[in-house]
Amino acid sequence: MTGPVITDAPAPLIDLMRTVPRWLVLTGAGMSTASGIPDYRDADGAWKRQQPMTGQAFRASPARRQRYWAGSFSGWPRVAAAAPNAAHRALAALEAAGCVAGVVTQNVDRLHQRAGSRRVVDLHGRLDRLICLDCGGRYARTAFQQRLAAANPDLSAADAQAAPDGDSPVAAARSQRFNVPDCRRCGGVLKPDVVFFGENVPRRRVARVRRWLADADGLLVVGSSLMIWSGLRFVRAAHAAGQPLAAVNLGRTRADDLFDLRLTADCTAALPAVAAAL
C-alpha cells in the first residue's frame, strides 16, 4: 500500500467523485464549526477541553446532572440559533444531484436537515429533543428551556461561552443551586436524546448505516478525527469491502492510512467547489 494522496486542492476529490457514482458521507464536528458550534478536539485529535459528560456519570449522579443542565441551559440558545453553513448546503446540493446517497452525522445539531439534506442518520441522536430515562417520554428541547428558566428565575442564559453540543462551562456555585425539572409524565430523569460519551449507538441505527454503506459506491469523511469507534467502524468496514475512501479534514484522523485521498482543507471552501463542479 502506497498511502493516500494528500492535497489541499479540491480538484483530486472532484475527479474521484466523478468516477465513483454515489457516496455515503460521514460528518463530524468540523462540519459545524463555521456555524458557531465549536469542536471537541484539536488538529492532532487531542481534547481541547475537559472530556464531556459520560452517560454513566449522568445516570449515576444527581450532582453531575445538575452540572450538565446548568451548562446546557446557558449553551442551548447558541446551538438553537446556529444556521447551516456552505458545507451543509453543498452536501444537500450533491444529494439532490445524485452524487451523495446519504449523510451519516456524528453531530447532534440537525443542521444537515435544515440545509436540505433528506437522507440523514443522526448517529449520536439529536439535541433538540429530550427523553425520559424512566418512562421513555420525549419532549422538545425548546419547551424544556422555558421550564429551566422558570425553575431558575435568578439565572440568565445570556453571554454563555460557546461549547461543543451547547454544554457550556459553568461555575460550581451556579451548578450547585441549579434546579432541574423532572419528567412531567412520571417524575423521572430527563436526558438529551443523544448518545453521551461512553454510551453505545443504538443497534438499529448502526444497522441502517451499514445498509446505506453497502448500497453506496464510496465513503467520504468530512470534519471528523474518527477518534471514537462510532464513526471509525464504518471507515474500516468500507476499507474491508474495497470501497473508495476519501476525507476532507484539517487535522489528522485515526484512519489516515486507510484513505485513498485526504483533502486537508476547510470543508466550507472545499465542498462548495466540489458541488459546483459536479
C-alpha atoms as a PDB file:
ATOM      1  CA  MET A   1       0.000   0.000   0.000  1.00  0.00           C
ATOM      2  CA  THR A   2       1.436   3.355  -1.067  1.00  0.00           C
ATOM      3  CA  GLY A   3      -0.679   5.502   1.246  1.00  0.00           C
ATOM      4  CA  PRO A   4      -3.243   8.187   0.461  1.00  0.00           C
ATOM      5  CA  VAL A   5      -2.933  11.096  -1.918  1.00  0.00           C
ATOM      6  CA  ILE A   6      -2.720  14.197   0.306  1.00  0.00           C
ATOM      7  CA  THR A   7      -3.673  17.579  -1.122  1.00  0.00           C
ATOM      8  CA  ASP A   8      -5.159  20.925  -0.151  1.00  0.00           C
ATOM      9  CA  ALA A   9      -6.810  21.478  -3.552  1.00  0.00           C
ATOM     10  CA  PRO A  10     -10.302  20.132  -4.337  1.00  0.00           C
ATOM     11  CA  ALA A  11      -9.511  19.014  -7.909  1.00  0.00           C
ATOM     12  CA  PRO A  12      -8.433  15.428  -6.998  1.00  0.00           C
ATOM     13  CA  LEU A  13     -11.606  14.934  -4.934  1.00  0.00           C
ATOM     14  CA  ILE A  14     -13.714  16.249  -7.808  1.00  0.00           C
ATOM     15  CA  ASP A  15     -12.014  13.787 -10.165  1.00  0.00           C
ATOM     16  CA  LEU A  16     -12.531  10.900  -7.740  1.00  0.00           C
ATOM     17  CA  MET A  17     -16.191  11.716  -7.186  1.00  0.00           C
ATOM     18  CA  ARG A  18     -16.737  11.847 -10.932  1.00  0.00           C
ATOM     19  CA  THR A  19     -15.538   8.265 -11.256  1.00  0.00           C
ATOM     20  CA  VAL A  20     -17.445   6.928  -8.234  1.00  0.00           C
ATOM     21  CA  PRO A  21     -21.194   7.446  -8.747  1.00  0.00           C
ATOM     22  CA  ARG A  22     -22.742   7.560  -5.254  1.00  0.00           C
ATOM     23  CA  TRP A  23     -21.064   8.400  -1.959  1.00  0.00           C
ATOM     24  CA  LEU A  24     -22.129   7.938   1.607  1.00  0.00           C
ATOM     25  CA  VAL A  25     -20.865  10.902   3.661  1.00  0.00           C
ATOM     26  CA  LEU A  26     -19.837  10.676   7.319  1.00  0.00           C
ATOM     27  CA  THR A  27     -19.597  14.063   9.031  1.00  0.00           C
ATOM     28  CA  GLY A  28     -18.189  15.208  12.369  1.00  0.00           C
ATOM     29  CA  ALA A  29     -17.812  18.314  14.487  1.00  0.00           C
ATOM     30  CA  GLY A  30     -15.609  20.091  11.927  1.00  0.00           C
ATOM     31  CA  MET A  31     -18.679  20.315   9.721  1.00  0.00           C
ATOM     32  CA  SER A  32     -20.394  22.732  12.097  1.00  0.00           C
ATOM     33  CA  THR A  33     -17.589  24.919  13.439  1.00  0.00           C
ATOM     34  CA  ALA A  34     -18.288  27.560  10.793  1.00  0.00           C
ATOM     35  CA  SER A  35     -21.860  27.666  12.124  1.00  0.00           C
ATOM     36  CA  GLY A  36     -20.541  28.740  15.513  1.00  0.00           C
ATOM     37  CA  ILE A  37     -20.593  25.339  17.236  1.00  0.00           C
ATOM     38  CA  PRO A  38     -17.077  24.505  18.500  1.00  0.00           C
ATOM     39  CA  ASP A  39     -15.471  21.095  18.146  1.00  0.00           C
ATOM     40  CA  TYR A  40     -14.034  18.940  20.909  1.00  0.00           C
ATOM     41  CA  ARG A  41     -10.578  18.175  19.518  1.00  0.00           C
ATOM     42  CA  ASP A  42      -7.574  19.951  18.035  1.00  0.00           C
ATOM     43  CA  ALA A  43      -5.805  19.140  14.753  1.00  0.00           C
ATOM     44  CA  ASP A  44      -3.983  16.238  16.415  1.00  0.00           C
ATOM     45  CA  GLY A  45      -7.148  14.707  17.815  1.00  0.00           C
ATOM     46  CA  ALA A  46      -6.447  15.747  21.428  1.00  0.00           C
ATOM     47  CA  TRP A  47      -9.126  17.207  23.712  1.00  0.00           C
ATOM     48  CA  LYS A  48      -9.392  20.990  23.621  1.00  0.00           C
ATOM     49  CA  ARG A  49     -11.293  20.993  26.902  1.00  0.00           C
ATOM     50  CA  GLN A  50     -12.243  18.693  29.735  1.00  0.00           C
ATOM     51  CA  GLN A  51     -13.784  15.468  28.487  1.00  0.00           C
ATOM     52  CA  PRO A  52     -17.558  15.906  28.212  1.00  0.00           C
ATOM     53  CA  MET A  53     -20.236  14.270  30.325  1.00  0.00           C
ATOM     54  CA  THR A  54     -20.440  10.491  30.136  1.00  0.00           C
ATOM     55  CA  GLY A  55     -23.678   8.568  30.118  1.00  0.00           C
ATOM     56  CA  GLN A  56     -22.680   6.653  33.248  1.00  0.00           C
ATOM     57  CA  ALA A  57     -21.976   9.828  35.218  1.00  0.00           C
ATOM     58  CA  PHE A  58     -25.212  11.461  34.073  1.00  0.00           C
ATOM     59  CA  ARG A  59     -27.305   8.485  35.180  1.00  0.00           C
ATOM     60  CA  ALA A  60     -25.500   7.835  38.450  1.00  0.00           C
ATOM     61  CA  SER A  61     -25.033  11.318  39.893  1.00  0.00           C
ATOM     62  CA  PRO A  62     -27.737  13.920  40.548  1.00  0.00           C
ATOM     63  CA  ALA A  63     -24.949  16.479  41.047  1.00  0.00           C
ATOM     64  CA  ARG A  64     -23.490  15.695  37.622  1.00  0.00           C
ATOM     65  CA  ARG A  65     -26.929  16.011  36.031  1.00  0.00           C
ATOM     66  CA  GLN A  66     -27.320  19.330  37.789  1.00  0.00           C
ATOM     67  CA  ARG A  67     -23.969  20.499  36.398  1.00  0.00           C
ATOM     68  CA  TYR A  68     -24.836  19.299  32.900  1.00  0.00           C
ATOM     69  CA  TRP A  69     -28.205  21.081  32.790  1.00  0.00           C
ATOM     70  CA  ALA A  70     -26.751  24.293  34.209  1.00  0.00           C
ATOM     71  CA  GLY A  71     -24.264  24.299  31.330  1.00  0.00           C
ATOM     72  CA  SER A  72     -26.860  23.267  28.761  1.00  0.00           C
ATOM     73  CA  PHE A  73     -29.234  25.994  29.907  1.00  0.00           C
ATOM     74  CA  SER A  74     -26.522  28.535  29.141  1.00  0.00           C
ATOM     75  CA  GLY A  75     -25.310  26.939  25.914  1.00  0.00           C
ATOM     76  CA  TRP A  76     -28.550  25.855  24.239  1.00  0.00           C
ATOM     77  CA  PRO A  77     -29.576  29.271  22.835  1.00  0.00           C
ATOM     78  CA  ARG A  78     -26.372  29.483  20.803  1.00  0.00           C
ATOM     79  CA  VAL A  79     -26.887  25.989  19.370  1.00  0.00           C
ATOM     80  CA  ALA A  80     -30.557  26.700  18.654  1.00  0.00           C
ATOM     81  CA  ALA A  81     -29.593  29.880  16.776  1.00  0.00           C
ATOM     82  CA  ALA A  82     -26.894  28.198  14.658  1.00  0.00           C
ATOM     83  CA  ALA A  83     -27.568  28.130  10.917  1.00  0.00           C
ATOM     84  CA  PRO A  84     -26.339  25.717   8.224  1.00  0.00           C
ATOM     85  CA  ASN A  85     -23.118  26.811   6.558  1.00  0.00           C
ATOM     86  CA  ALA A  86     -21.830  26.472   2.998  1.00  0.00           C
ATOM     87  CA  ALA A  87     -20.603  22.911   3.600  1.00  0.00           C
ATOM     88  CA  HIS A  88     -24.039  21.755   4.779  1.00  0.00           C
ATOM     89  CA  ARG A  89     -25.666  23.352   1.757  1.00  0.00           C
ATOM     90  CA  ALA A  90     -23.120  21.802  -0.595  1.00  0.00           C
ATOM     91  CA  LEU A  91     -23.854  18.278   0.672  1.00  0.00           C
ATOM     92  CA  ALA A  92     -27.574  18.895   0.234  1.00  0.00           C
ATOM     93  CA  ALA A  93     -26.907  20.004  -3.349  1.00  0.00           C
ATOM     94  CA  LEU A  94     -24.765  16.930  -4.003  1.00  0.00           C
ATOM     95  CA  GLU A  95     -27.563  14.713  -2.687  1.00  0.00           C
ATOM     96  CA  ALA A  96     -30.078  16.444  -4.960  1.00  0.00           C
ATOM     97  CA  ALA A  97     -27.698  15.865  -7.879  1.00  0.00           C
ATOM     98  CA  GLY A  98     -27.498  12.148  -7.091  1.00  0.00           C
ATOM     99  CA  CYS A  99     -23.835  12.164  -6.046  1.00  0.00           C
ATOM    100  CA  VAL A 100     -24.498  11.647  -2.324  1.00  0.00           C
ATOM    101  CA  ALA A 101     -26.524   8.612  -1.271  1.00  0.00           C
ATOM    102  CA  GLY A 102     -26.954   9.848   2.281  1.00  0.00           C
ATOM    103  CA  VAL A 103     -25.331  11.604   5.213  1.00  0.00           C
ATOM    104  CA  VAL A 104     -24.375   9.942   8.486  1.00  0.00           C
ATOM    105  CA  THR A 105     -23.550  12.617  11.024  1.00  0.00           C
ATOM    106  CA  GLN A 106     -21.909  12.398  14.421  1.00  0.00           C
ATOM    107  CA  ASN A 107     -23.281  15.873  15.131  1.00  0.00           C
ATOM    108  CA  VAL A 108     -26.484  16.409  17.098  1.00  0.00           C
ATOM    109  CA  ASP A 109     -27.358  19.874  15.768  1.00  0.00           C
ATOM    110  CA  ARG A 110     -29.722  18.874  12.908  1.00  0.00           C
ATOM    111  CA  LEU A 111     -28.043  21.377  10.578  1.00  0.00           C
ATOM    112  CA  HIS A 112     -27.886  18.889   7.705  1.00  0.00           C
ATOM    113  CA  GLN A 113     -31.671  18.580   7.697  1.00  0.00           C
ATOM    114  CA  ARG A 114     -32.101  22.340   7.912  1.00  0.00           C
ATOM    115  CA  ALA A 115     -29.771  22.730   4.919  1.00  0.00           C
ATOM    116  CA  GLY A 116     -31.987  20.443   2.822  1.00  0.00           C
ATOM    117  CA  SER A 117     -30.387  17.005   3.144  1.00  0.00           C
ATOM    118  CA  ARG A 118     -33.151  14.408   3.129  1.00  0.00           C
ATOM    119  CA  ARG A 119     -31.380  11.105   3.809  1.00  0.00           C
ATOM    120  CA  VAL A 120     -29.675  11.687   7.150  1.00  0.00           C
ATOM    121  CA  VAL A 121     -28.844   9.369  10.024  1.00  0.00           C
ATOM    122  CA  ASP A 122     -28.227  11.249  13.284  1.00  0.00           C
ATOM    123  CA  LEU A 123     -25.721   8.706  14.577  1.00  0.00           C
ATOM    124  CA  HIS A 124     -25.461  10.274  18.034  1.00  0.00           C
ATOM    125  CA  GLY A 125     -29.072  11.446  18.253  1.00  0.00           C
ATOM    126  CA  ARG A 126     -30.452  14.964  18.346  1.00  0.00           C
ATOM    127  CA  LEU A 127     -30.011  17.749  20.871  1.00  0.00           C
ATOM    128  CA  ASP A 128     -33.362  19.375  20.114  1.00  0.00           C
ATOM    129  CA  ARG A 129     -35.220  16.550  21.842  1.00  0.00           C
ATOM    130  CA  LEU A 130     -35.259  15.060  25.363  1.00  0.00           C
ATOM    131  CA  ILE A 131     -36.032  11.547  26.514  1.00  0.00           C
ATOM    132  CA  CYS A 132     -37.190  10.405  29.952  1.00  0.00           C
ATOM    133  CA  LEU A 133     -34.947   7.635  31.230  1.00  0.00           C
ATOM    134  CA  ASP A 134     -37.848   6.187  33.241  1.00  0.00           C
ATOM    135  CA  CYS A 135     -40.933   6.195  31.000  1.00  0.00           C
ATOM    136  CA  GLY A 136     -39.379   6.872  27.583  1.00  0.00           C
ATOM    137  CA  GLY A 137     -41.390  10.036  27.014  1.00  0.00           C
ATOM    138  CA  ARG A 138     -39.957  12.560  24.557  1.00  0.00           C
ATOM    139  CA  TYR A 139     -40.075  16.345  24.783  1.00  0.00           C
ATOM    140  CA  ALA A 140     -38.937  19.315  22.722  1.00  0.00           C
ATOM    141  CA  ARG A 141     -35.766  20.993  23.980  1.00  0.00           C
ATOM    142  CA  THR A 142     -37.177  24.468  23.358  1.00  0.00           C
ATOM    143  CA  ALA A 143     -40.065  23.807  25.762  1.00  0.00           C
ATOM    144  CA  PHE A 144     -37.683  22.411  28.370  1.00  0.00           C
ATOM    145  CA  GLN A 145     -35.561  25.560  28.112  1.00  0.00           C
ATOM    146  CA  GLN A 146     -38.626  27.502  29.218  1.00  0.00           C
ATOM    147  CA  ARG A 147     -39.099  25.128  32.160  1.00  0.00           C
ATOM    148  CA  LEU A 148     -35.428  25.559  33.138  1.00  0.00           C
ATOM    149  CA  ALA A 149     -35.790  29.332  33.007  1.00  0.00           C
ATOM    150  CA  ALA A 150     -38.921  29.213  35.164  1.00  0.00           C
ATOM    151  CA  ALA A 151     -37.197  26.934  37.697  1.00  0.00           C
ATOM    152  CA  ASN A 152     -34.170  29.235  37.879  1.00  0.00           C
ATOM    153  CA  PRO A 153     -35.563  32.774  37.693  1.00  0.00           C
ATOM    154  CA  ASP A 154     -32.423  34.351  39.150  1.00  0.00           C
ATOM    155  CA  LEU A 155     -30.176  32.924  36.424  1.00  0.00           C
ATOM    156  CA  SER A 156     -29.691  34.034  32.826  1.00  0.00           C
ATOM    157  CA  ALA A 157     -28.635  32.054  29.769  1.00  0.00           C
ATOM    158  CA  ALA A 158     -27.165  35.175  28.168  1.00  0.00           C
ATOM    159  CA  ASP A 159     -23.494  35.643  27.352  1.00  0.00           C
ATOM    160  CA  ALA A 160     -22.587  31.963  27.739  1.00  0.00           C
ATOM    161  CA  GLN A 161     -19.275  30.712  26.419  1.00  0.00           C
ATOM    162  CA  ALA A 162     -19.645  28.707  23.213  1.00  0.00           C
ATOM    163  CA  ALA A 163     -19.039  24.998  23.705  1.00  0.00           C
ATOM    164  CA  PRO A 164     -19.477  21.736  21.799  1.00  0.00           C
ATOM    165  CA  ASP A 165     -23.071  20.468  21.826  1.00  0.00           C
ATOM    166  CA  GLY A 166     -24.096  23.527  23.841  1.00  0.00           C
ATOM    167  CA  ASP A 167     -22.638  22.184  27.102  1.00  0.00           C
ATOM    168  CA  SER A 168     -21.161  25.479  28.303  1.00  0.00           C
ATOM    169  CA  PRO A 169     -18.772  25.546  31.272  1.00  0.00           C
ATOM    170  CA  VAL A 170     -20.366  26.907  34.435  1.00  0.00           C
ATOM    171  CA  ALA A 171     -19.073  27.798  37.874  1.00  0.00           C
ATOM    172  CA  ALA A 172     -19.562  25.188  40.585  1.00  0.00           C
ATOM    173  CA  ALA A 173     -21.539  27.618  42.707  1.00  0.00           C
ATOM    174  CA  ARG A 174     -24.021  28.137  39.898  1.00  0.00           C
ATOM    175  CA  SER A 175     -24.485  24.450  39.124  1.00  0.00           C
ATOM    176  CA  GLN A 176     -24.953  23.550  42.792  1.00  0.00           C
ATOM    177  CA  ARG A 177     -28.004  25.783  43.073  1.00  0.00           C
ATOM    178  CA  PHE A 178     -29.431  24.958  39.652  1.00  0.00           C
ATOM    179  CA  ASN A 179     -32.922  23.430  39.696  1.00  0.00           C
ATOM    180  CA  VAL A 180     -33.654  20.689  37.155  1.00  0.00           C
ATOM    181  CA  PRO A 181     -37.320  19.826  36.434  1.00  0.00           C
ATOM    182  CA  ASP A 182     -38.378  16.181  36.221  1.00  0.00           C
ATOM    183  CA  CYS A 183     -40.443  14.406  33.587  1.00  0.00           C
ATOM    184  CA  ARG A 184     -43.966  15.827  33.626  1.00  0.00           C
ATOM    185  CA  ARG A 185     -45.454  12.423  32.895  1.00  0.00           C
ATOM    186  CA  CYS A 186     -43.765  10.239  35.514  1.00  0.00           C
ATOM    187  CA  GLY A 187     -41.375  12.409  37.543  1.00  0.00           C
ATOM    188  CA  GLY A 188     -38.379  10.597  36.031  1.00  0.00           C
ATOM    189  CA  VAL A 189     -34.957  11.787  34.914  1.00  0.00           C
ATOM    190  CA  LEU A 190     -34.782  13.767  31.659  1.00  0.00           C
ATOM    191  CA  LYS A 191     -31.769  13.445  29.349  1.00  0.00           C
ATOM    192  CA  PRO A 192     -30.983  14.897  25.928  1.00  0.00           C
ATOM    193  CA  ASP A 193     -31.910  12.339  23.267  1.00  0.00           C
ATOM    194  CA  VAL A 194     -28.251  11.966  22.345  1.00  0.00           C
ATOM    195  CA  VAL A 195     -25.553   9.339  22.762  1.00  0.00           C
ATOM    196  CA  PHE A 196     -23.267  10.595  25.518  1.00  0.00           C
ATOM    197  CA  PHE A 197     -19.620   9.615  25.648  1.00  0.00           C
ATOM    198  CA  GLY A 198     -19.314   6.045  26.907  1.00  0.00           C
ATOM    199  CA  GLU A 199     -22.761   5.069  25.580  1.00  0.00           C
ATOM    200  CA  ASN A 200     -23.440   2.831  22.602  1.00  0.00           C
ATOM    201  CA  VAL A 201     -25.123   3.925  19.398  1.00  0.00           C
ATOM    202  CA  PRO A 202     -28.456   2.049  19.123  1.00  0.00           C
ATOM    203  CA  ARG A 203     -28.082  -1.171  17.130  1.00  0.00           C
ATOM    204  CA  ARG A 204     -30.867  -0.348  14.699  1.00  0.00           C
ATOM    205  CA  ARG A 205     -29.137   2.916  13.845  1.00  0.00           C
ATOM    206  CA  VAL A 206     -25.832   1.145  13.218  1.00  0.00           C
ATOM    207  CA  ALA A 207     -27.577  -1.473  11.068  1.00  0.00           C
ATOM    208  CA  ARG A 208     -29.208   1.243   8.979  1.00  0.00           C
ATOM    209  CA  VAL A 209     -25.856   2.909   8.316  1.00  0.00           C
ATOM    210  CA  ARG A 210     -24.334  -0.432   7.327  1.00  0.00           C
ATOM    211  CA  ARG A 211     -27.148  -0.939   4.805  1.00  0.00           C
ATOM    212  CA  TRP A 212     -26.583   2.526   3.374  1.00  0.00           C
ATOM    213  CA  LEU A 213     -22.857   1.890   3.175  1.00  0.00           C
ATOM    214  CA  ALA A 214     -23.369  -1.397   1.342  1.00  0.00           C
ATOM    215  CA  ASP A 215     -25.586   0.360  -1.201  1.00  0.00           C
ATOM    216  CA  ALA A 216     -23.120   3.214  -1.775  1.00  0.00           C
ATOM    217  CA  ASP A 217     -20.049   3.166  -4.010  1.00  0.00           C
ATOM    218  CA  GLY A 218     -17.669   5.040  -1.710  1.00  0.00           C
ATOM    219  CA  LEU A 219     -17.345   6.722   1.688  1.00  0.00           C
ATOM    220  CA  LEU A 220     -16.419  10.377   2.196  1.00  0.00           C
ATOM    221  CA  VAL A 221     -15.489  11.597   5.696  1.00  0.00           C
ATOM    222  CA  VAL A 222     -15.888  15.320   6.404  1.00  0.00           C
ATOM    223  CA  GLY A 223     -14.753  17.148   9.527  1.00  0.00           C
ATOM    224  CA  SER A 224     -14.124  14.158  11.780  1.00  0.00           C
ATOM    225  CA  SER A 225     -10.969  12.958  13.509  1.00  0.00           C
ATOM    226  CA  LEU A 226     -12.554   9.492  13.832  1.00  0.00           C
ATOM    227  CA  MET A 227     -11.137   9.205  17.329  1.00  0.00           C
ATOM    228  CA  ILE A 228     -14.186   7.316  18.568  1.00  0.00           C
ATOM    229  CA  TRP A 229     -15.400   3.934  17.387  1.00  0.00           C
ATOM    230  CA  SER A 230     -18.912   5.045  16.417  1.00  0.00           C
ATOM    231  CA  GLY A 231     -17.637   6.569  13.160  1.00  0.00           C
ATOM    232  CA  LEU A 232     -14.362   4.709  12.712  1.00  0.00           C
ATOM    233  CA  ARG A 233     -16.174   1.375  12.376  1.00  0.00           C
ATOM    234  CA  PHE A 234     -17.763   2.467   9.092  1.00  0.00           C
ATOM    235  CA  VAL A 235     -14.448   3.595   7.613  1.00  0.00           C
ATOM    236  CA  ARG A 236     -12.945   0.221   8.452  1.00  0.00           C
ATOM    237  CA  ALA A 237     -15.962  -1.559   7.005  1.00  0.00           C
ATOM    238  CA  ALA A 238     -15.717   0.405   3.755  1.00  0.00           C
ATOM    239  CA  HIS A 239     -11.997  -0.328   3.541  1.00  0.00           C
ATOM    240  CA  ALA A 240     -12.575  -4.049   4.131  1.00  0.00           C
ATOM    241  CA  ALA A 241     -15.170  -4.029   1.337  1.00  0.00           C
ATOM    242  CA  GLY A 242     -12.734  -2.372  -1.063  1.00  0.00           C
ATOM    243  CA  GLN A 243     -14.775   0.826  -1.391  1.00  0.00           C
ATOM    244  CA  PRO A 244     -13.033   4.094  -2.291  1.00  0.00           C
ATOM    245  CA  LEU A 245     -12.346   6.239   0.784  1.00  0.00           C
ATOM    246  CA  ALA A 246     -11.774   9.990   0.894  1.00  0.00           C
ATOM    247  CA  ALA A 247     -11.602  12.603   3.658  1.00  0.00           C
ATOM    248  CA  VAL A 248     -11.934  16.374   3.940  1.00  0.00           C
ATOM    249  CA  ASN A 249     -10.430  17.330   7.282  1.00  0.00           C
ATOM    250  CA  LEU A 250      -7.985  19.967   8.505  1.00  0.00           C
ATOM    251  CA  GLY A 251      -6.319  17.707  11.080  1.00  0.00           C
ATOM    252  CA  ARG A 252      -5.212  14.117  11.289  1.00  0.00           C
ATOM    253  CA  THR A 253      -7.655  11.259  11.691  1.00  0.00           C
ATOM    254  CA  ARG A 254      -7.444   7.844  13.270  1.00  0.00           C
ATOM    255  CA  ALA A 255      -7.773   6.264   9.820  1.00  0.00           C
ATOM    256  CA  ASP A 256      -5.281   8.302   7.811  1.00  0.00           C
ATOM    257  CA  ASP A 257      -3.604   5.179   6.432  1.00  0.00           C
ATOM    258  CA  LEU A 258      -6.889   3.827   5.027  1.00  0.00           C
ATOM    259  CA  PHE A 259      -7.879   6.716   2.791  1.00  0.00           C
ATOM    260  CA  ASP A 260      -7.269   6.824  -0.933  1.00  0.00           C
ATOM    261  CA  LEU A 261      -7.420  10.625  -0.798  1.00  0.00           C
ATOM    262  CA  ARG A 262      -7.085  13.140   2.023  1.00  0.00           C
ATOM    263  CA  LEU A 263      -8.070  16.717   1.329  1.00  0.00           C
ATOM    264  CA  THR A 264      -6.575  18.934   4.043  1.00  0.00           C
ATOM    265  CA  ALA A 265      -8.875  21.901   3.556  1.00  0.00           C
ATOM    266  CA  ASP A 266     -11.709  23.782   5.214  1.00  0.00           C
ATOM    267  CA  CYS A 267     -14.903  21.959   4.296  1.00  0.00           C
ATOM    268  CA  THR A 268     -16.796  25.236   3.834  1.00  0.00           C
ATOM    269  CA  ALA A 269     -14.485  26.044   0.905  1.00  0.00           C
ATOM    270  CA  ALA A 270     -13.848  22.536  -0.445  1.00  0.00           C
ATOM    271  CA  LEU A 271     -17.383  21.132  -0.578  1.00  0.00           C
ATOM    272  CA  PRO A 272     -18.980  24.086  -2.405  1.00  0.00           C
ATOM    273  CA  ALA A 273     -16.200  23.790  -5.009  1.00  0.00           C
ATOM    274  CA  VAL A 274     -16.977  20.090  -5.405  1.00  0.00           C
ATOM    275  CA  ALA A 275     -20.716  20.721  -5.629  1.00  0.00           C
ATOM    276  CA  ALA A 276     -20.214  23.419  -8.253  1.00  0.00           C
ATOM    277  CA  ALA A 277     -18.037  21.115 -10.372  1.00  0.00           C
ATOM    278  CA  LEU A 278     -20.341  18.113 -10.186  1.00  0.00           C
END
